[in-house]
Amino acid sequence: SCPRMGWLGRSSPLKPGAASMEAPTSWSVDLIPNKLSVRIYWHGVNRPGGNPGWGWTYVTSGLRAHTQKELMLTLSQQGKERARDYPQIPLILFAGVYQLASQGQLVDDGGRSVFRERILEKFRAALYVKPRIFPADEVPRDSLRLILITDEEQEIAENQGRNRVLSRLGSFYRHYPYPYWI
């Protein structure tokens, strides 16, 4: 059993889970007026065991002004949250990336960020990877996807490399090359 089981699951951004009466939708949140916004997509997510559910994919717009690639993060619904009950922590995370990018501190594919405190109760770091499985017209071609990882996974990434973590997650969740949702 994997301690991440409650957060990770198989996902299909285009097919809503049958358990909800809500329809897929999206909206924008202005984080830094006229500088950074985030488009949030509410869509179907299939969790472990094939259980349908819902999730949010966050896509930034505005990081490119500081030569930082735009970022994506997908979170799966944990209970009975509705579309507008989206977790706020990704917005704080993206605002922090914007601030660092404005100072010339950029992230790219293969990079990793370690957080001072855990986010979403269990994640200590993020790996940056090329995005997979999301409508191409919805995200910039050279964007990056964040894969949040636990303390244990962070230690493995540090000592054995990020590909070891990604391949183990992909194997566990039976999603090639790695799961992109949390």
C-alpha atoms as a PDB file:
ATOM      1  CA  SER A   1       0.000   0.000   0.000  1.00  0.00           C
ATOM      2  CA  CYS A   2       1.208   3.472  -0.821  1.00  0.00           C
ATOM      3  CA  PRO A   3       0.661   6.377   1.611  1.00  0.00           C
ATOM      4  CA  ARG A   4      -0.173   8.552  -1.397  1.00  0.00           C
ATOM      5  CA  MET A   5      -3.189   6.431  -2.332  1.00  0.00           C
ATOM      6  CA  GLY A   6      -5.622   9.054  -1.071  1.00  0.00           C
ATOM      7  CA  TRP A   7      -4.088  11.752  -3.269  1.00  0.00           C
ATOM      8  CA  LEU A   8      -3.084   9.997  -6.474  1.00  0.00           C
ATOM      9  CA  GLY A   9      -5.350   8.341  -8.957  1.00  0.00           C
ATOM     10  CA  ARG A  10      -5.761   7.713 -12.629  1.00  0.00           C
ATOM     11  CA  SER A  11      -7.103  10.717 -14.428  1.00  0.00           C
ATOM     12  CA  SER A  12      -8.697  11.612 -17.706  1.00  0.00           C
ATOM     13  CA  PRO A  13      -9.134  15.369 -18.056  1.00  0.00           C
ATOM     14  CA  LEU A  14     -11.763  15.031 -20.745  1.00  0.00           C
ATOM     15  CA  LYS A  15     -14.101  12.442 -19.240  1.00  0.00           C
ATOM     16  CA  PRO A  16     -16.011  13.483 -16.125  1.00  0.00           C
ATOM     17  CA  GLY A  17     -16.596  10.911 -13.399  1.00  0.00           C
ATOM     18  CA  ALA A  18     -20.146   9.631 -13.268  1.00  0.00           C
ATOM     19  CA  ALA A  19     -20.486  10.297  -9.544  1.00  0.00           C
ATOM     20  CA  SER A  20     -20.974  14.056  -9.883  1.00  0.00           C
ATOM     21  CA  MET A  21     -23.788  16.101 -11.332  1.00  0.00           C
ATOM     22  CA  GLU A  22     -21.447  18.977 -12.209  1.00  0.00           C
ATOM     23  CA  ALA A  23     -20.178  19.495 -15.733  1.00  0.00           C
ATOM     24  CA  PRO A  24     -16.554  20.125 -16.675  1.00  0.00           C
ATOM     25  CA  THR A  25     -15.824  23.822 -16.535  1.00  0.00           C
ATOM     26  CA  SER A  26     -13.009  26.313 -16.148  1.00  0.00           C
ATOM     27  CA  TRP A  27     -12.434  29.806 -14.775  1.00  0.00           C
ATOM     28  CA  SER A  28      -9.555  32.215 -14.176  1.00  0.00           C
ATOM     29  CA  VAL A  29      -8.176  33.574 -10.917  1.00  0.00           C
ATOM     30  CA  ASP A  30      -6.123  36.780 -10.984  1.00  0.00           C
ATOM     31  CA  LEU A  31      -3.206  36.296  -8.562  1.00  0.00           C
ATOM     32  CA  ILE A  32      -1.208  39.415  -9.377  1.00  0.00           C
ATOM     33  CA  PRO A  33      -3.379  41.811 -11.393  1.00  0.00           C
ATOM     34  CA  ASN A  34      -2.191  42.172 -14.995  1.00  0.00           C
ATOM     35  CA  LYS A  35       0.835  39.980 -14.247  1.00  0.00           C
ATOM     36  CA  LEU A  36      -0.120  36.456 -13.129  1.00  0.00           C
ATOM     37  CA  SER A  37      -3.346  34.522 -13.456  1.00  0.00           C
ATOM     38  CA  VAL A  38      -4.270  30.872 -13.141  1.00  0.00           C
ATOM     39  CA  ARG A  39      -6.865  29.056 -15.229  1.00  0.00           C
ATOM     40  CA  ILE A  40      -8.504  26.288 -13.202  1.00  0.00           C
ATOM     41  CA  TYR A  41     -10.118  23.370 -15.027  1.00  0.00           C
ATOM     42  CA  TRP A  42     -12.665  21.179 -13.209  1.00  0.00           C
ATOM     43  CA  HIS A  43     -12.754  17.787 -14.939  1.00  0.00           C
ATOM     44  CA  GLY A  44     -13.181  14.060 -14.517  1.00  0.00           C
ATOM     45  CA  VAL A  45     -10.542  12.100 -12.628  1.00  0.00           C
ATOM     46  CA  ASN A  46     -10.474   8.306 -12.266  1.00  0.00           C
ATOM     47  CA  ARG A  47      -8.838   7.349  -9.001  1.00  0.00           C
ATOM     48  CA  PRO A  48      -7.228   4.021  -8.017  1.00  0.00           C
ATOM     49  CA  GLY A  49      -9.540   1.095  -8.481  1.00  0.00           C
ATOM     50  CA  GLY A  50     -11.262   2.875 -11.360  1.00  0.00           C
ATOM     51  CA  ASN A  51     -13.425   4.977  -9.050  1.00  0.00           C
ATOM     52  CA  PRO A  52     -14.599   8.066 -10.935  1.00  0.00           C
ATOM     53  CA  GLY A  53     -14.224  11.437  -9.326  1.00  0.00           C
ATOM     54  CA  TRP A  54     -13.344  15.014 -10.106  1.00  0.00           C
ATOM     55  CA  GLY A  55     -10.261  17.165  -9.970  1.00  0.00           C
ATOM     56  CA  TRP A  56      -8.746  20.534 -10.744  1.00  0.00           C
ATOM     57  CA  THR A  57      -5.954  21.334 -13.159  1.00  0.00           C
ATOM     58  CA  TYR A  58      -4.285  24.687 -12.561  1.00  0.00           C
ATOM     59  CA  VAL A  59      -2.483  26.351 -15.495  1.00  0.00           C
ATOM     60  CA  THR A  60      -0.533  29.584 -15.009  1.00  0.00           C
ATOM     61  CA  SER A  61      -0.391  32.552 -17.363  1.00  0.00           C
ATOM     62  CA  GLY A  62       2.171  35.302 -16.839  1.00  0.00           C
ATOM     63  CA  LEU A  63       5.346  33.507 -15.774  1.00  0.00           C
ATOM     64  CA  ARG A  64       6.743  33.808 -19.287  1.00  0.00           C
ATOM     65  CA  ALA A  65       7.226  37.568 -18.709  1.00  0.00           C
ATOM     66  CA  HIS A  66      10.201  36.501 -16.557  1.00  0.00           C
ATOM     67  CA  THR A  67      11.322  33.767 -19.010  1.00  0.00           C
ATOM     68  CA  GLN A  68       9.841  31.110 -16.717  1.00  0.00           C
ATOM     69  CA  LYS A  69       7.841  28.363 -18.441  1.00  0.00           C
ATOM     70  CA  GLU A  70       4.170  28.296 -17.479  1.00  0.00           C
ATOM     71  CA  LEU A  71       3.236  25.650 -14.894  1.00  0.00           C
ATOM     72  CA  MET A  72       0.475  23.045 -14.507  1.00  0.00           C
ATOM     73  CA  LEU A  73      -0.670  21.069 -11.467  1.00  0.00           C
ATOM     74  CA  THR A  74      -3.537  18.561 -11.230  1.00  0.00           C
ATOM     75  CA  LEU A  75      -5.183  17.714  -7.890  1.00  0.00           C
ATOM     76  CA  SER A  76      -7.937  15.152  -7.410  1.00  0.00           C
ATOM     77  CA  GLN A  77     -11.009  15.767  -5.299  1.00  0.00           C
ATOM     78  CA  GLN A  78     -10.604  14.277  -1.819  1.00  0.00           C
ATOM     79  CA  GLY A  79     -14.152  14.310  -0.539  1.00  0.00           C
ATOM     80  CA  LYS A  80     -17.301  15.922  -1.777  1.00  0.00           C
ATOM     81  CA  GLU A  81     -15.808  19.266  -2.760  1.00  0.00           C
ATOM     82  CA  ARG A  82     -17.524  21.106  -5.575  1.00  0.00           C
ATOM     83  CA  ALA A  83     -15.788  22.834  -8.481  1.00  0.00           C
ATOM     84  CA  ARG A  84     -15.402  26.164  -6.668  1.00  0.00           C
ATOM     85  CA  ASP A  85     -14.050  24.480  -3.508  1.00  0.00           C
ATOM     86  CA  TYR A  86     -10.631  24.172  -5.138  1.00  0.00           C
ATOM     87  CA  PRO A  87      -7.541  24.007  -2.883  1.00  0.00           C
ATOM     88  CA  GLN A  88      -5.880  27.424  -2.524  1.00  0.00           C
ATOM     89  CA  ILE A  89      -2.325  26.237  -1.886  1.00  0.00           C
ATOM     90  CA  PRO A  90      -1.412  25.964  -5.593  1.00  0.00           C
ATOM     91  CA  LEU A  91      -2.203  29.666  -5.981  1.00  0.00           C
ATOM     92  CA  ILE A  92       0.240  30.509  -3.182  1.00  0.00           C
ATOM     93  CA  LEU A  93       2.811  28.184  -4.744  1.00  0.00           C
ATOM     94  CA  PHE A  94       2.467  29.826  -8.181  1.00  0.00           C
ATOM     95  CA  ALA A  95       2.736  33.336  -6.687  1.00  0.00           C
ATOM     96  CA  GLY A  96       5.972  32.215  -5.009  1.00  0.00           C
ATOM     97  CA  VAL A  97       7.333  30.865  -8.297  1.00  0.00           C
ATOM     98  CA  TYR A  98       6.461  34.200  -9.941  1.00  0.00           C
ATOM     99  CA  GLN A  99       8.382  36.097  -7.270  1.00  0.00           C
ATOM    100  CA  LEU A 100      11.431  33.839  -7.641  1.00  0.00           C
ATOM    101  CA  ALA A 101      11.265  34.044 -11.451  1.00  0.00           C
ATOM    102  CA  SER A 102      11.223  37.841 -11.227  1.00  0.00           C
ATOM    103  CA  GLN A 103      14.558  37.500  -9.376  1.00  0.00           C
ATOM    104  CA  GLY A 104      15.984  35.228 -12.084  1.00  0.00           C
ATOM    105  CA  GLN A 105      15.487  31.949 -10.208  1.00  0.00           C
ATOM    106  CA  LEU A 106      13.868  29.675 -12.811  1.00  0.00           C
ATOM    107  CA  VAL A 107      12.748  26.048 -12.854  1.00  0.00           C
ATOM    108  CA  ASP A 108      12.819  23.711 -15.837  1.00  0.00           C
ATOM    109  CA  ASP A 109      12.239  20.108 -16.863  1.00  0.00           C
ATOM    110  CA  GLY A 110      14.303  17.910 -14.566  1.00  0.00           C
ATOM    111  CA  GLY A 111      14.271  20.480 -11.775  1.00  0.00           C
ATOM    112  CA  ARG A 112      13.043  20.103  -8.229  1.00  0.00           C
ATOM    113  CA  SER A 113      11.815  22.493  -5.548  1.00  0.00           C
ATOM    114  CA  VAL A 114      11.892  21.604  -1.865  1.00  0.00           C
ATOM    115  CA  PHE A 115       9.353  23.414   0.325  1.00  0.00           C
ATOM    116  CA  ARG A 116      10.033  24.771   3.804  1.00  0.00           C
ATOM    117  CA  GLU A 117       6.816  23.155   5.037  1.00  0.00           C
ATOM    118  CA  ARG A 118       4.651  20.337   3.756  1.00  0.00           C
ATOM    119  CA  ILE A 119       1.825  21.343   1.469  1.00  0.00           C
ATOM    120  CA  LEU A 120      -1.522  19.560   1.275  1.00  0.00           C
ATOM    121  CA  GLU A 121      -0.455  17.854   4.525  1.00  0.00           C
ATOM    122  CA  LYS A 122       2.089  15.442   3.044  1.00  0.00           C
ATOM    123  CA  PHE A 123       4.073  16.854   0.139  1.00  0.00           C
ATOM    124  CA  ARG A 124       7.574  18.188   0.727  1.00  0.00           C
ATOM    125  CA  ALA A 125       8.784  18.898  -2.824  1.00  0.00           C
ATOM    126  CA  ALA A 126       7.839  19.208  -6.477  1.00  0.00           C
ATOM    127  CA  LEU A 127       9.434  17.675  -9.538  1.00  0.00           C
ATOM    128  CA  TYR A 128       9.119  19.568 -12.836  1.00  0.00           C
ATOM    129  CA  VAL A 129       8.371  17.473 -15.909  1.00  0.00           C
ATOM    130  CA  LYS A 130       7.121  17.976 -19.451  1.00  0.00           C
ATOM    131  CA  PRO A 131       3.311  17.918 -19.455  1.00  0.00           C
ATOM    132  CA  ARG A 132       1.355  14.955 -20.769  1.00  0.00           C
ATOM    133  CA  ILE A 133      -2.326  14.302 -21.270  1.00  0.00           C
ATOM    134  CA  PHE A 134      -4.130  17.593 -21.394  1.00  0.00           C
ATOM    135  CA  PRO A 135      -5.709  19.207 -24.437  1.00  0.00           C
ATOM    136  CA  ALA A 136      -2.838  20.774 -26.364  1.00  0.00           C
ATOM    137  CA  ASP A 137      -4.782  23.939 -27.097  1.00  0.00           C
ATOM    138  CA  GLU A 138      -5.314  24.539 -23.368  1.00  0.00           C
ATOM    139  CA  VAL A 139      -1.676  24.841 -22.297  1.00  0.00           C
ATOM    140  CA  PRO A 140       1.439  26.464 -23.723  1.00  0.00           C
ATOM    141  CA  ARG A 141       3.547  23.993 -25.659  1.00  0.00           C
ATOM    142  CA  ASP A 142       6.645  24.423 -23.477  1.00  0.00           C
ATOM    143  CA  SER A 143       4.916  24.452 -20.088  1.00  0.00           C
ATOM    144  CA  LEU A 144       5.960  22.305 -17.120  1.00  0.00           C
ATOM    145  CA  ARG A 145       3.890  20.023 -14.925  1.00  0.00           C
ATOM    146  CA  LEU A 146       4.493  19.827 -11.195  1.00  0.00           C
ATOM    147  CA  ILE A 147       4.515  16.394  -9.576  1.00  0.00           C
ATOM    148  CA  LEU A 148       4.300  16.809  -5.806  1.00  0.00           C
ATOM    149  CA  ILE A 149       6.295  14.272  -3.800  1.00  0.00           C
ATOM    150  CA  THR A 150       6.435  13.157  -0.170  1.00  0.00           C
ATOM    151  CA  ASP A 151       9.404  13.298   2.235  1.00  0.00           C
ATOM    152  CA  GLU A 152      10.369   9.720   1.373  1.00  0.00           C
ATOM    153  CA  GLU A 153      10.096  10.363  -2.354  1.00  0.00           C
ATOM    154  CA  GLN A 154      12.107  13.568  -1.985  1.00  0.00           C
ATOM    155  CA  GLU A 155      14.880  11.616  -0.271  1.00  0.00           C
ATOM    156  CA  ILE A 156      14.877   9.039  -3.084  1.00  0.00           C
ATOM    157  CA  ALA A 157      14.936  11.804  -5.714  1.00  0.00           C
ATOM    158  CA  GLU A 158      17.880  13.436  -3.947  1.00  0.00           C
ATOM    159  CA  ASN A 159      19.883  10.215  -3.534  1.00  0.00           C
ATOM    160  CA  GLN A 160      18.884   8.164  -6.582  1.00  0.00           C
ATOM    161  CA  GLY A 161      17.462  10.691  -9.034  1.00  0.00           C
ATOM    162  CA  ARG A 162      14.028  11.960  -9.999  1.00  0.00           C
ATOM    163  CA  ASN A 163      13.541   9.297 -12.672  1.00  0.00           C
ATOM    164  CA  ARG A 164      13.639   6.611  -9.991  1.00  0.00           C
ATOM    165  CA  VAL A 165      10.728   8.330  -8.204  1.00  0.00           C
ATOM    166  CA  LEU A 166       8.763   8.952 -11.399  1.00  0.00           C
ATOM    167  CA  SER A 167       9.182   5.386 -12.659  1.00  0.00           C
ATOM    168  CA  ARG A 168       8.176   3.908  -9.289  1.00  0.00           C
ATOM    169  CA  LEU A 169       5.078   6.103  -9.213  1.00  0.00           C
ATOM    170  CA  GLY A 170       4.279   5.147 -12.800  1.00  0.00           C
ATOM    171  CA  SER A 171       4.659   1.463 -11.966  1.00  0.00           C
ATOM    172  CA  PHE A 172       2.574   1.687  -8.795  1.00  0.00           C
ATOM    173  CA  TYR A 173      -0.263   3.589 -10.463  1.00  0.00           C
ATOM    174  CA  ARG A 174       0.113   1.765 -13.765  1.00  0.00           C
ATOM    175  CA  HIS A 175       0.337   5.008 -15.669  1.00  0.00           C
ATOM    176  CA  TYR A 176       3.171   5.472 -18.159  1.00  0.00           C
ATOM    177  CA  PRO A 177       5.556   7.154 -17.828  1.00  0.00           C
ATOM    178  CA  TYR A 178       4.333   8.605 -14.484  1.00  0.00           C
ATOM    179  CA  PRO A 179       1.090   9.824 -12.945  1.00  0.00           C
ATOM    180  CA  TYR A 180       0.535  13.518 -13.421  1.00  0.00           C
ATOM    181  CA  TRP A 181      -2.168  14.054 -10.811  1.00  0.00           C
ATOM    182  CA  ILE A 182      -2.167  14.222  -7.042  1.00  0.00           C
END
